[in-house]
Amino acid sequence: MARVCEICGKKTTVGFKLERRGLPKKKGGVGLKITGKTKRKFKPNIQTMRANINGSIKRIKICTRCMNAGKVVKVV
């Protein structure tokens, strides 16, 4: 099963973790240098919940951002 929000479509994205060395110019140095790039994943906070959708109760995968915004009605 995919890690995708069924409301907004938010899903896992990829990026980099940067290793830096040096003293920032702001603190009197010559600037930060990037010494390494490591690939990583940014995963959204996806939860499974029972929601009332068009009058029927369904289990959906939804991100917590949509949950807090009240985009669906939670079934108690």
Protein backbone atom coordinates (compact mmCIF):
# COMPACT_ATOMS: atom_id res chain seq x y z
CA MET A 1 0.00 0.00 0.00
CA ALA A 2 1.30 3.41 -0.98
CA ARG A 3 2.15 6.10 1.57
CA VAL A 4 -0.07 8.74 -0.08
CA CYS A 5 -2.71 11.05 1.43
CA GLU A 6 -6.06 10.42 -0.28
CA ILE A 7 -7.18 14.03 0.27
CA CYS A 8 -4.22 16.20 -0.82
CA GLY A 9 -2.00 13.62 -2.57
CA LYS A 10 1.04 14.24 -0.36
CA LYS A 11 3.62 11.45 -0.72
CA THR A 12 7.24 10.50 -0.07
CA THR A 13 9.78 12.82 -1.71
CA VAL A 14 13.55 12.59 -2.00
CA GLY A 15 16.26 15.06 -1.13
CA PHE A 16 19.74 15.37 0.34
CA LYS A 17 21.34 15.64 3.77
CA LEU A 18 24.26 18.05 3.50
CA GLU A 19 27.48 17.78 5.52
CA ARG A 20 29.08 21.19 6.08
CA ARG A 21 32.46 22.37 7.36
CA GLY A 22 33.75 25.82 8.25
CA LEU A 23 32.69 28.96 10.09
CA PRO A 24 29.81 31.04 8.67
CA LYS A 25 30.62 34.50 7.28
CA LYS A 26 28.17 35.93 9.81
CA LYS A 27 30.45 34.71 12.61
CA GLY A 28 33.67 35.97 11.00
CA GLY A 29 34.65 32.94 8.92
CA VAL A 30 35.14 32.44 5.20
CA GLY A 31 31.84 30.58 4.77
CA LEU A 32 30.46 27.06 5.00
CA LYS A 33 31.67 24.45 2.52
CA ILE A 34 29.63 21.39 1.57
CA THR A 35 31.77 18.26 2.06
CA GLY A 36 29.18 15.56 1.39
CA LYS A 37 25.68 14.89 0.09
CA THR A 38 23.70 11.84 1.23
CA LYS A 39 20.37 10.93 -0.36
CA ARG A 40 17.41 10.67 2.01
CA LYS A 41 13.60 10.45 2.00
CA PHE A 42 11.08 12.90 3.40
CA LYS A 43 8.03 10.91 4.49
CA PRO A 44 4.67 12.51 5.32
CA ASN A 45 2.86 11.64 8.55
CA ILE A 46 0.14 9.39 7.11
CA GLN A 47 -2.51 7.90 9.42
CA THR A 48 -5.31 5.44 8.72
CA MET A 49 -8.70 6.59 9.96
CA ARG A 50 -12.37 5.86 9.52
CA ALA A 51 -14.07 8.80 7.85
CA ASN A 52 -17.55 9.73 6.67
CA ILE A 53 -17.26 10.27 2.91
CA ASN A 54 -20.44 11.03 0.94
CA GLY A 55 -22.59 9.45 3.64
CA SER A 56 -20.67 6.17 3.80
CA ILE A 57 -18.01 5.12 6.30
CA LYS A 58 -14.65 4.23 4.74
CA ARG A 59 -11.09 3.63 5.92
CA ILE A 60 -8.77 6.16 4.32
CA LYS A 61 -5.11 7.14 4.55
CA ILE A 62 -4.82 10.81 5.43
CA CYS A 63 -1.96 13.10 6.42
CA THR A 64 -2.15 14.78 9.83
CA ARG A 65 -2.16 18.20 8.19
CA CYS A 66 -5.50 17.43 6.48
CA MET A 67 -6.76 15.84 9.70
CA ASN A 68 -6.08 18.98 11.75
CA ALA A 69 -7.56 21.21 9.02
CA GLY A 70 -10.86 19.29 9.35
CA LYS A 71 -11.10 18.26 5.70
CA VAL A 72 -12.92 15.02 6.63
CA VAL A 73 -15.44 14.04 9.29
CA LYS A 74 -14.07 11.46 11.72
CA VAL A 75 -16.35 8.57 12.72
CA VAL A 76 -16.40 7.88 16.46
